[in-house]
Amino acid sequence: MPDHTVDPVDEKPPLARLLPLGLQHVLVMYAGALAVPLILGSALKLPKEQVAILINADLFACGIATLIQSIGFRGFGIRMPVMMGVTFAAVSPMLAMAADPSLGLLGIYGAVIGAGLFGILVAPFISRLLPLFPPVVTGTIITVVGISLLGVGINWAAGGAGNPRFGDPLYLAVSLLVLLVILGATKYCRGFFANIAVLLGLIAGFGVAFALGEVNFAGVAQARWVELVHPFQFGWPTFDLLAILTMSLVLIVVMIESTGVFLALGEVTDRTIGQEDMTRGLRADGLGTLIGGVFNTFPYTSFSQNVGLVGITGVRSRWVTATGGVIMLILGLVPKIATIVASIPQFVLGGAGIVMFGMICATGIRVLSRVDFRGNPGNTYVVAVSIGLGMIPQVSERFFGHMPKALSPLLHSGILLASIAAIALNAYFNGMRSGAAAVADATAAGREAETAH
């Protein structure tokens, strides 16, 4: 039985529950964790064995960064149920660096290490922006996070972007099956089985896909059982000032996005995120990025899709994601198991993705429900314009096609566009109140909502 005297975030479930709950978090973010090393490996035309090294290093560093973020160490880690993974915000500038013969992979690693050190240093300054996030801003950002991720889940359900059979009715049927199993388990199961509703859906979908011959186990036989991950396996990184500055700009984008993720997680877990908590969480993003550069991988961020999983299962324990971190670390050291897990088709993940990412949208809407729209019509414009701007990268990839490439990290992040717009419009309509007042209002509103429930 759970100890009700312990905060649900700090509760330590027994190992028999921790393992499947942690695995559930790993499966949810696994495809995203593999995507960036595959993209970079392809752009650099690396041989298959070197791409495998990138993937193993990525999983290994994912595990370390997740443990730091979830468990927390002196000055690092938000101590919340967070899974860490490579950020997609860095893909575009890294591809540009990969195309530059003077930089290449070693130049990318130098930029990642430099940006990681920069992130550790600036985390306290970024966290001071917390008072700029009253409920009208927070709710808008969380909603845009969910809507942005829904595109990923929908693409998964149809077979994954680039799949020549994209939209195959078979894919859609299996995705629907996964969705129905999750909904059925959520309604009719109790206790532990309700907590692993997403995992049950993925198992059911994987079983059907396997029976229909839709699971590709290519590469499993050739993969080694054990492969150690070494620092600087591709050689000593090279440090280019412009590349470091570019990656540092990307990391600022990532940290602002992480701010939205942490606030969303605070709403899901009913825990107020203070400035010190935010500093530790953002500092862990920087440290994770530094570790990524050392271990031959890329910048790390807190994965927002796992926030949706916390909302669905109701399991708030940070020790569950810490267990997920251990699993990721092991997968990085055992390539054969990692290859088997990577064989889960994207259309199996799709049904789960739609539920989880939709849950993040629902969390944002719940926050917005306590905003005064009738007495303060300006709040309506804050939400309307910010969501509209946040949708631009999702709806039209070429909208900013003629803008300078240096602005790409800003203009192609819907979450960042929505964040900047919401903060600016809130200041325009509601004024720049003291930080303490903004935080106090958000906290009081949260307590009122809890009392109402």
Protein backbone atom coordinates (compact mmCIF):
# COMPACT_ATOMS: atom_id res chain seq x y z
CA MET A 1 0.00 0.00 0.00
CA PRO A 2 1.29 3.51 -0.76
CA ASP A 3 2.40 5.65 2.13
CA HIS A 4 -0.03 8.60 2.13
CA THR A 5 2.25 10.58 4.43
CA VAL A 6 4.80 10.83 1.60
CA ASP A 7 4.38 13.29 -1.27
CA PRO A 8 3.35 11.24 -4.37
CA VAL A 9 6.34 12.70 -6.23
CA ASP A 10 8.74 11.25 -3.64
CA GLU A 11 6.94 7.94 -3.13
CA LYS A 12 9.01 4.82 -3.86
CA PRO A 13 6.84 2.02 -5.31
CA PRO A 14 8.11 -1.57 -4.92
CA LEU A 15 10.48 -2.88 -7.58
CA ALA A 16 7.79 -5.12 -9.11
CA ARG A 17 5.85 -1.94 -9.97
CA LEU A 18 8.82 0.29 -10.72
CA LEU A 19 10.14 -1.85 -13.58
CA PRO A 20 7.00 -1.93 -15.79
CA LEU A 21 6.17 1.70 -14.96
CA GLY A 22 9.71 2.77 -15.85
CA LEU A 23 9.65 0.67 -19.04
CA GLN A 24 6.40 2.39 -20.01
CA HIS A 25 8.15 5.78 -19.87
CA VAL A 26 11.04 4.43 -21.95
CA LEU A 27 8.75 3.09 -24.68
CA VAL A 28 6.92 6.41 -24.89
CA MET A 29 10.07 8.43 -25.61
CA TYR A 30 12.20 5.76 -27.31
CA ALA A 31 11.42 6.72 -30.91
CA GLY A 32 12.25 10.36 -30.20
CA ALA A 33 15.46 9.36 -28.45
CA LEU A 34 16.66 7.47 -31.52
CA ALA A 35 15.59 9.98 -34.16
CA VAL A 36 18.34 12.61 -33.78
CA PRO A 37 21.37 10.26 -33.94
CA LEU A 38 19.78 8.55 -36.97
CA ILE A 39 19.25 11.92 -38.70
CA LEU A 40 22.79 13.13 -37.96
CA GLY A 41 24.34 9.78 -38.85
CA SER A 42 22.59 9.86 -42.22
CA ALA A 43 23.60 13.50 -42.89
CA LEU A 44 27.24 12.72 -42.10
CA LYS A 45 27.08 9.51 -44.20
CA LEU A 46 28.47 7.49 -41.30
CA PRO A 47 28.77 3.70 -41.70
CA LYS A 48 26.18 1.55 -39.89
CA GLU A 49 28.54 0.59 -37.08
CA GLN A 50 29.26 4.25 -36.27
CA VAL A 51 25.55 5.10 -36.32
CA ALA A 52 25.10 2.26 -33.83
CA ILE A 53 27.74 3.91 -31.61
CA LEU A 54 25.78 7.18 -31.78
CA ILE A 55 22.57 5.40 -30.77
CA ASN A 56 24.19 3.52 -27.87
CA ALA A 57 25.87 6.71 -26.64
CA ASP A 58 22.54 8.55 -26.89
CA LEU A 59 20.67 5.95 -24.82
CA PHE A 60 23.49 5.83 -22.26
CA ALA A 61 23.57 9.63 -21.87
CA CYS A 62 19.74 9.71 -21.78
CA GLY A 63 19.90 7.43 -18.77
CA ILE A 64 22.50 9.51 -16.93
CA ALA A 65 20.70 12.80 -17.63
CA THR A 66 17.35 11.33 -16.52
CA LEU A 67 18.85 10.08 -13.25
CA ILE A 68 20.33 13.53 -12.57
CA GLN A 69 17.01 15.25 -13.31
CA SER A 70 14.78 12.80 -11.41
CA ILE A 71 16.88 11.97 -8.35
CA GLY A 72 18.66 15.30 -8.09
CA PHE A 73 22.13 16.07 -6.80
CA ARG A 74 23.54 19.17 -5.16
CA GLY A 75 22.34 22.08 -7.31
CA PHE A 76 21.20 19.85 -10.19
CA GLY A 77 17.90 18.15 -11.00
CA ILE A 78 14.31 19.27 -10.45
CA ARG A 79 13.48 16.04 -8.56
CA MET A 80 10.29 15.45 -10.54
CA PRO A 81 9.16 12.59 -12.85
CA VAL A 82 11.16 13.75 -15.89
CA MET A 83 12.64 11.76 -18.78
CA MET A 84 15.50 13.37 -20.67
CA GLY A 85 16.19 13.00 -24.38
CA VAL A 86 17.98 14.68 -27.28
CA THR A 87 16.24 17.89 -28.35
CA PHE A 88 15.00 18.31 -31.92
CA ALA A 89 15.61 22.07 -31.64
CA ALA A 90 19.32 21.43 -32.26
CA VAL A 91 18.86 19.32 -35.40
CA SER A 92 18.83 22.19 -37.93
CA PRO A 93 22.01 23.95 -36.69
CA MET A 94 23.78 20.60 -36.25
CA LEU A 95 22.94 19.66 -39.85
CA ALA A 96 24.45 22.99 -40.94
CA MET A 97 27.59 22.22 -38.92
CA ALA A 98 27.72 18.71 -40.38
CA ALA A 99 27.74 20.21 -43.88
CA ASP A 100 30.72 22.43 -43.00
CA PRO A 101 33.95 20.47 -43.68
CA SER A 102 35.81 22.56 -41.07
CA LEU A 103 33.42 21.42 -38.33
CA GLY A 104 31.84 18.02 -38.94
CA LEU A 105 31.00 15.70 -36.06
CA LEU A 106 33.90 16.82 -33.85
CA GLY A 107 32.91 20.46 -34.31
CA ILE A 108 29.35 19.56 -33.29
CA TYR A 109 30.62 17.91 -30.12
CA GLY A 110 32.73 20.95 -29.27
CA ALA A 111 29.69 23.20 -29.72
CA VAL A 112 27.56 20.88 -27.56
CA ILE A 113 30.12 20.88 -24.74
CA GLY A 114 30.45 24.66 -24.88
CA ALA A 115 26.67 25.10 -24.87
CA GLY A 116 26.35 22.71 -21.92
CA LEU A 117 28.76 24.80 -19.84
CA PHE A 118 26.88 27.92 -20.91
CA GLY A 119 23.57 26.35 -19.85
CA ILE A 120 24.86 25.51 -16.39
CA LEU A 121 25.99 29.12 -15.90
CA VAL A 122 22.83 30.86 -17.17
CA ALA A 123 20.25 28.54 -15.53
CA PRO A 124 19.77 30.83 -12.48
CA PHE A 125 19.08 33.81 -14.77
CA ILE A 126 16.57 31.88 -16.94
CA SER A 127 14.74 30.66 -13.82
CA ARG A 128 14.22 34.27 -12.73
CA LEU A 129 11.80 34.57 -15.64
CA LEU A 130 9.35 32.38 -13.67
CA PRO A 131 7.29 35.40 -12.49
CA LEU A 132 6.52 36.10 -16.15
CA PHE A 133 4.39 32.92 -16.23
CA PRO A 134 0.99 33.60 -14.58
CA PRO A 135 -1.82 31.09 -15.40
CA VAL A 136 -2.85 32.81 -18.67
CA VAL A 137 0.72 32.42 -19.97
CA THR A 138 1.34 28.99 -18.45
CA GLY A 139 -1.94 27.54 -19.70
CA THR A 140 -1.33 28.86 -23.21
CA ILE A 141 2.18 27.40 -23.38
CA ILE A 142 1.10 24.01 -22.03
CA THR A 143 -1.72 23.88 -24.56
CA VAL A 144 0.67 24.66 -27.43
CA VAL A 145 3.10 22.00 -26.17
CA GLY A 146 0.29 19.44 -26.38
CA ILE A 147 -0.97 20.59 -29.79
CA SER A 148 2.58 20.58 -31.19
CA LEU A 149 3.14 17.02 -29.99
CA LEU A 150 -0.21 15.83 -31.36
CA GLY A 151 1.26 16.18 -34.85
CA VAL A 152 3.95 13.68 -33.85
CA GLY A 153 1.39 11.22 -32.48
CA ILE A 154 -0.79 11.52 -35.58
CA ASN A 155 2.19 10.86 -37.87
CA TRP A 156 3.11 7.84 -35.76
CA ALA A 157 -0.44 6.47 -36.04
CA ALA A 158 -0.25 6.65 -39.85
CA GLY A 159 3.07 4.79 -39.98
CA GLY A 160 5.63 7.53 -39.49
CA ALA A 161 6.66 10.41 -41.76
CA GLY A 162 8.42 9.16 -44.89
CA ASN A 163 6.81 5.73 -44.77
CA PRO A 164 5.68 4.82 -48.33
CA ARG A 165 2.63 3.11 -46.79
CA PHE A 166 1.76 6.19 -44.74
CA GLY A 167 -1.94 6.08 -43.83
CA ASP A 168 -2.32 2.35 -44.54
CA PRO A 169 -5.67 1.21 -43.03
CA LEU A 170 -3.78 -1.55 -41.23
CA TYR A 171 -1.65 1.04 -39.42
CA LEU A 172 -4.72 3.06 -38.50
CA ALA A 173 -6.53 -0.05 -37.23
CA VAL A 174 -3.64 -1.11 -34.98
CA SER A 175 -3.28 2.46 -33.67
CA LEU A 176 -7.01 2.48 -32.90
CA LEU A 177 -6.66 -0.86 -31.10
CA VAL A 178 -3.87 0.57 -28.92
CA LEU A 179 -6.05 3.61 -28.16
CA LEU A 180 -9.07 1.43 -27.25
CA VAL A 181 -7.00 -0.84 -24.98
CA ILE A 182 -5.64 2.22 -23.15
CA LEU A 183 -9.15 3.64 -22.70
CA GLY A 184 -10.52 0.27 -21.61
CA ALA A 185 -7.75 -0.31 -19.09
CA THR A 186 -8.16 3.24 -17.75
CA LYS A 187 -11.90 2.73 -17.15
CA TYR A 188 -12.18 -0.91 -16.11
CA CYS A 189 -8.84 -1.74 -14.48
CA ARG A 190 -7.91 -0.74 -10.97
CA GLY A 191 -4.63 -0.03 -9.19
CA PHE A 192 -1.48 -1.27 -10.87
CA PHE A 193 -3.08 -2.31 -14.18
CA ALA A 194 -4.72 1.10 -14.53
CA ASN A 195 -1.28 2.65 -13.98
CA ILE A 196 0.23 0.68 -16.86
CA ALA A 197 -2.66 1.30 -19.28
CA VAL A 198 -0.30 2.71 -21.92
CA LEU A 199 2.08 -0.25 -21.61
CA LEU A 200 -0.85 -2.68 -21.96
CA GLY A 201 -1.96 -0.85 -25.11
CA LEU A 202 1.56 -0.99 -26.57
CA ILE A 203 1.88 -4.72 -25.78
CA ALA A 204 -1.47 -5.43 -27.45
CA GLY A 205 -0.53 -3.38 -30.52
CA PHE A 206 2.92 -4.96 -30.76
CA GLY A 207 1.40 -8.45 -30.50
CA VAL A 208 -1.03 -7.78 -33.34
CA ALA A 209 1.67 -6.13 -35.49
CA PHE A 210 3.97 -9.14 -34.93
CA ALA A 211 1.21 -11.61 -35.81
CA LEU A 212 0.56 -9.70 -39.04
CA GLY A 213 4.26 -9.74 -39.96
CA GLU A 214 4.66 -5.98 -39.53
CA VAL A 215 7.57 -6.09 -37.06
CA ASN A 216 11.05 -5.82 -38.57
CA PHE A 217 13.78 -7.42 -36.44
CA ALA A 218 16.57 -6.54 -38.89
CA GLY A 219 19.87 -5.96 -37.16
CA VAL A 220 18.98 -7.81 -33.96
CA ALA A 221 21.09 -10.88 -34.79
CA GLN A 222 24.11 -8.74 -35.70
CA ALA A 223 23.87 -6.50 -32.62
CA ARG A 224 26.30 -7.24 -29.79
CA TRP A 225 25.12 -8.15 -26.31
CA VAL A 226 27.48 -5.74 -24.54
CA GLU A 227 29.17 -2.61 -25.88
CA LEU A 228 30.83 -0.09 -23.55
CA VAL A 229 30.32 3.62 -24.19
CA HIS A 230 33.54 5.66 -24.06
CA PRO A 231 34.04 9.43 -23.84
CA PHE A 232 35.34 11.08 -27.02
CA GLN A 233 34.98 7.84 -28.99
CA PHE A 234 35.16 9.74 -32.30
CA GLY A 235 38.18 11.80 -31.26
CA TRP A 236 38.89 15.01 -29.36
CA PRO A 237 36.25 17.69 -30.12
CA THR A 238 37.14 20.92 -31.89
CA PHE A 239 35.89 24.20 -30.44
CA ASP A 240 34.64 26.87 -32.86
CA LEU A 241 33.38 30.09 -31.24
CA LEU A 242 30.59 30.73 -33.76
CA ALA A 243 29.37 27.13 -33.50
CA ILE A 244 29.37 27.35 -29.68
CA LEU A 245 27.42 30.64 -29.78
CA THR A 246 24.89 29.09 -32.19
CA MET A 247 24.41 26.04 -29.98
CA SER A 248 24.18 28.24 -26.89
CA LEU A 249 21.32 30.14 -28.55
CA VAL A 250 19.63 26.81 -29.22
CA LEU A 251 20.07 25.87 -25.56
CA ILE A 252 18.33 29.08 -24.46
CA VAL A 253 15.41 28.02 -26.68
CA VAL A 254 15.52 24.56 -25.13
CA MET A 255 15.57 25.94 -21.58
CA ILE A 256 12.57 28.18 -22.24
CA GLU A 257 10.73 25.16 -23.64
CA SER A 258 11.79 23.17 -20.56
CA THR A 259 10.30 25.93 -18.40
CA GLY A 260 6.94 25.20 -20.03
CA VAL A 261 7.41 21.44 -19.53
CA PHE A 262 8.26 21.90 -15.84
CA LEU A 263 5.24 24.13 -15.32
CA ALA A 264 3.04 21.54 -17.05
CA LEU A 265 4.50 18.83 -14.84
CA GLY A 266 3.82 20.97 -11.77
CA GLU A 267 0.17 21.18 -12.82
CA VAL A 268 -0.09 17.44 -13.45
CA THR A 269 1.50 16.55 -10.11
CA ASP A 270 -0.17 19.36 -8.09
CA ARG A 271 3.23 20.66 -7.00
CA THR A 272 4.20 24.35 -7.17
CA ILE A 273 7.46 24.87 -9.09
CA GLY A 274 9.55 27.52 -7.35
CA GLN A 275 12.50 29.48 -8.70
CA GLU A 276 15.05 27.24 -7.01
CA ASP A 277 13.35 24.13 -8.44
CA MET A 278 13.42 25.72 -11.89
CA THR A 279 17.11 26.60 -11.53
CA ARG A 280 18.02 23.02 -10.63
CA GLY A 281 15.96 21.64 -13.51
CA LEU A 282 17.43 24.01 -16.10
CA ARG A 283 20.93 23.46 -14.74
CA ALA A 284 20.39 19.72 -15.26
CA ASP A 285 19.51 20.45 -18.90
CA GLY A 286 22.90 22.16 -19.22
CA LEU A 287 24.73 19.34 -17.44
CA GLY A 288 22.93 16.73 -19.56
CA THR A 289 24.05 18.60 -22.69
CA LEU A 290 27.65 18.73 -21.41
CA ILE A 291 27.55 14.97 -20.71
CA GLY A 292 26.10 14.45 -24.19
CA GLY A 293 29.05 16.21 -25.81
CA VAL A 294 31.54 14.18 -23.79
CA PHE A 295 29.88 10.85 -24.61
CA ASN A 296 29.51 11.46 -28.36
CA THR A 297 25.91 12.58 -28.45
CA PHE A 298 23.88 15.79 -28.52
CA PRO A 299 22.00 18.46 -26.45
CA TYR A 300 19.44 17.15 -23.94
CA THR A 301 16.09 18.42 -22.79
CA SER A 302 13.14 17.28 -20.69
CA PHE A 303 10.77 15.25 -22.89
CA SER A 304 7.26 16.71 -22.83
CA GLN A 305 5.53 13.53 -24.07
CA ASN A 306 6.28 11.84 -20.75
CA VAL A 307 4.36 14.58 -18.93
CA GLY A 308 1.26 13.30 -20.73
CA LEU A 309 2.01 9.78 -19.48
CA VAL A 310 2.18 11.05 -15.90
CA GLY A 311 -1.23 12.64 -16.43
CA ILE A 312 -2.79 9.46 -17.84
CA THR A 313 -1.44 7.02 -15.26
CA GLY A 314 -1.67 9.30 -12.24
CA VAL A 315 1.70 7.90 -11.11
CA ARG A 316 3.70 10.94 -10.01
CA SER A 317 6.74 9.25 -8.47
CA ARG A 318 10.10 10.53 -9.69
CA TRP A 319 11.54 7.12 -8.87
CA VAL A 320 9.55 5.69 -11.77
CA THR A 321 11.37 7.93 -14.27
CA ALA A 322 14.64 7.26 -12.42
CA THR A 323 13.99 3.56 -13.10
CA GLY A 324 13.34 4.52 -16.72
CA GLY A 325 16.74 6.24 -16.68
CA VAL A 326 18.40 3.04 -15.47
CA ILE A 327 16.66 1.08 -18.23
CA MET A 328 17.89 3.59 -20.84
CA LEU A 329 21.42 3.36 -19.46
CA ILE A 330 21.32 -0.45 -19.69
CA LEU A 331 19.91 -0.30 -23.22
CA GLY A 332 22.89 1.86 -24.16
CA LEU A 333 25.23 -0.84 -22.91
CA VAL A 334 23.29 -3.78 -24.38
CA PRO A 335 22.80 -3.01 -28.11
CA LYS A 336 20.88 -6.24 -28.80
CA ILE A 337 18.07 -5.34 -26.38
CA ALA A 338 18.07 -1.76 -27.64
CA THR A 339 17.63 -3.02 -31.20
CA ILE A 340 14.70 -5.24 -30.17
CA VAL A 341 12.95 -2.31 -28.45
CA ALA A 342 13.61 -0.16 -31.51
CA SER A 343 11.68 -2.72 -33.57
CA ILE A 344 8.33 -1.49 -32.15
CA PRO A 345 6.56 -0.01 -35.21
CA GLN A 346 5.68 3.67 -35.04
CA PHE A 347 2.03 2.98 -35.79
CA VAL A 348 1.88 0.99 -32.54
CA LEU A 349 3.14 4.07 -30.70
CA GLY A 350 0.61 6.27 -32.50
CA GLY A 351 -2.49 5.29 -30.54
CA ALA A 352 -0.67 5.93 -27.26
CA GLY A 353 0.76 9.21 -28.57
CA ILE A 354 -2.65 10.66 -29.38
CA VAL A 355 -3.88 9.97 -25.84
CA MET A 356 -0.77 11.24 -24.09
CA PHE A 357 -0.26 14.39 -26.10
CA GLY A 358 -3.96 15.17 -25.94
CA MET A 359 -3.65 14.87 -22.16
CA ILE A 360 -1.10 17.70 -22.18
CA CYS A 361 -3.59 19.85 -24.13
CA ALA A 362 -6.23 19.02 -21.53
CA THR A 363 -3.85 20.11 -18.76
CA GLY A 364 -3.33 23.46 -20.49
CA ILE A 365 -7.06 23.94 -20.87
CA ARG A 366 -7.54 23.13 -17.18
CA VAL A 367 -5.06 25.88 -16.27
CA LEU A 368 -6.80 28.34 -18.60
CA SER A 369 -10.16 27.50 -17.00
CA ARG A 370 -9.17 29.50 -13.92
CA VAL A 371 -8.18 32.61 -15.91
CA ASP A 372 -10.57 35.59 -15.80
CA PHE A 373 -11.68 36.04 -19.43
CA ARG A 374 -15.01 37.77 -18.78
CA GLY A 375 -13.68 40.49 -16.49
CA ASN A 376 -10.46 40.91 -18.46
CA PRO A 377 -11.04 40.53 -22.24
CA GLY A 378 -7.32 41.12 -22.87
CA ASN A 379 -6.64 37.59 -21.64
CA THR A 380 -8.64 36.27 -24.60
CA TYR A 381 -6.23 38.00 -26.99
CA VAL A 382 -3.22 36.66 -25.09
CA VAL A 383 -4.44 33.10 -25.63
CA ALA A 384 -5.80 33.56 -29.17
CA VAL A 385 -2.77 35.29 -30.70
CA SER A 386 -0.18 33.18 -28.87
CA ILE A 387 -1.74 29.86 -29.94
CA GLY A 388 -2.10 31.20 -33.48
CA LEU A 389 1.60 32.12 -33.67
CA GLY A 390 2.58 28.85 -32.02
CA MET A 391 0.80 26.93 -34.78
CA ILE A 392 2.77 28.52 -37.63
CA PRO A 393 5.66 25.99 -37.67
CA GLN A 394 3.17 23.12 -37.36
CA VAL A 395 0.94 24.28 -40.22
CA SER A 396 3.45 25.75 -42.66
CA GLU A 397 7.12 24.77 -42.63
CA ARG A 398 7.88 27.33 -45.37
CA PHE A 399 6.19 30.29 -43.65
CA PHE A 400 9.55 31.68 -42.50
CA GLY A 401 11.45 30.27 -45.49
CA HIS A 402 12.97 33.65 -46.49
CA MET A 403 14.05 34.65 -42.98
CA PRO A 404 17.75 34.51 -41.95
CA LYS A 405 18.90 31.01 -41.07
CA ALA A 406 20.34 32.32 -37.81
CA LEU A 407 16.75 32.84 -36.61
CA SER A 408 15.74 29.27 -37.43
CA PRO A 409 15.87 27.97 -33.82
CA LEU A 410 13.42 30.71 -32.84
CA LEU A 411 11.09 30.73 -35.83
CA HIS A 412 10.72 26.97 -36.15
CA SER A 413 9.81 26.35 -32.52
CA GLY A 414 6.08 26.79 -32.05
CA ILE A 415 6.49 26.47 -28.29
CA LEU A 416 9.03 29.28 -28.16
CA LEU A 417 6.97 31.54 -30.45
CA ALA A 418 3.91 30.97 -28.27
CA SER A 419 5.94 31.58 -25.10
CA ILE A 420 7.37 34.89 -26.29
CA ALA A 421 3.98 36.05 -27.61
CA ALA A 422 2.14 35.07 -24.44
CA ILE A 423 4.66 36.80 -22.16
CA ALA A 424 4.69 39.98 -24.30
CA LEU A 425 0.91 40.15 -24.71
CA ASN A 426 0.33 39.48 -21.01
CA ALA A 427 2.66 42.40 -20.20
CA TYR A 428 0.81 44.56 -22.76
CA PHE A 429 -2.69 43.83 -21.47
CA ASN A 430 -2.04 43.15 -17.78
CA GLY A 431 1.12 45.12 -17.06
CA MET A 432 4.36 44.00 -15.49
CA ARG A 433 3.38 43.20 -11.94
CA SER A 434 5.96 42.24 -9.34
CA GLY A 435 7.27 38.73 -9.67
CA ALA A 436 6.14 37.81 -6.20
CA ALA A 437 2.56 38.86 -6.98
CA ALA A 438 2.45 36.83 -10.20
CA VAL A 439 3.74 33.69 -8.51
CA ALA A 440 1.43 34.21 -5.52
CA ASP A 441 -1.57 34.52 -7.85
CA ALA A 442 -0.69 31.34 -9.68
CA THR A 443 -0.20 29.44 -6.44
CA ALA A 444 -3.45 30.75 -4.92
CA ALA A 445 -5.38 29.88 -8.09
CA GLY A 446 -3.99 26.36 -7.98
CA ARG A 447 -5.09 25.92 -4.37
CA GLU A 448 -8.57 27.22 -5.19
CA ALA A 449 -8.87 24.76 -8.06
CA GLU A 450 -7.80 21.88 -5.82
CA THR A 451 -10.35 22.93 -3.17
CA ALA A 452 -13.08 23.09 -5.81
CA HIS A 453 -12.31 19.53 -6.85
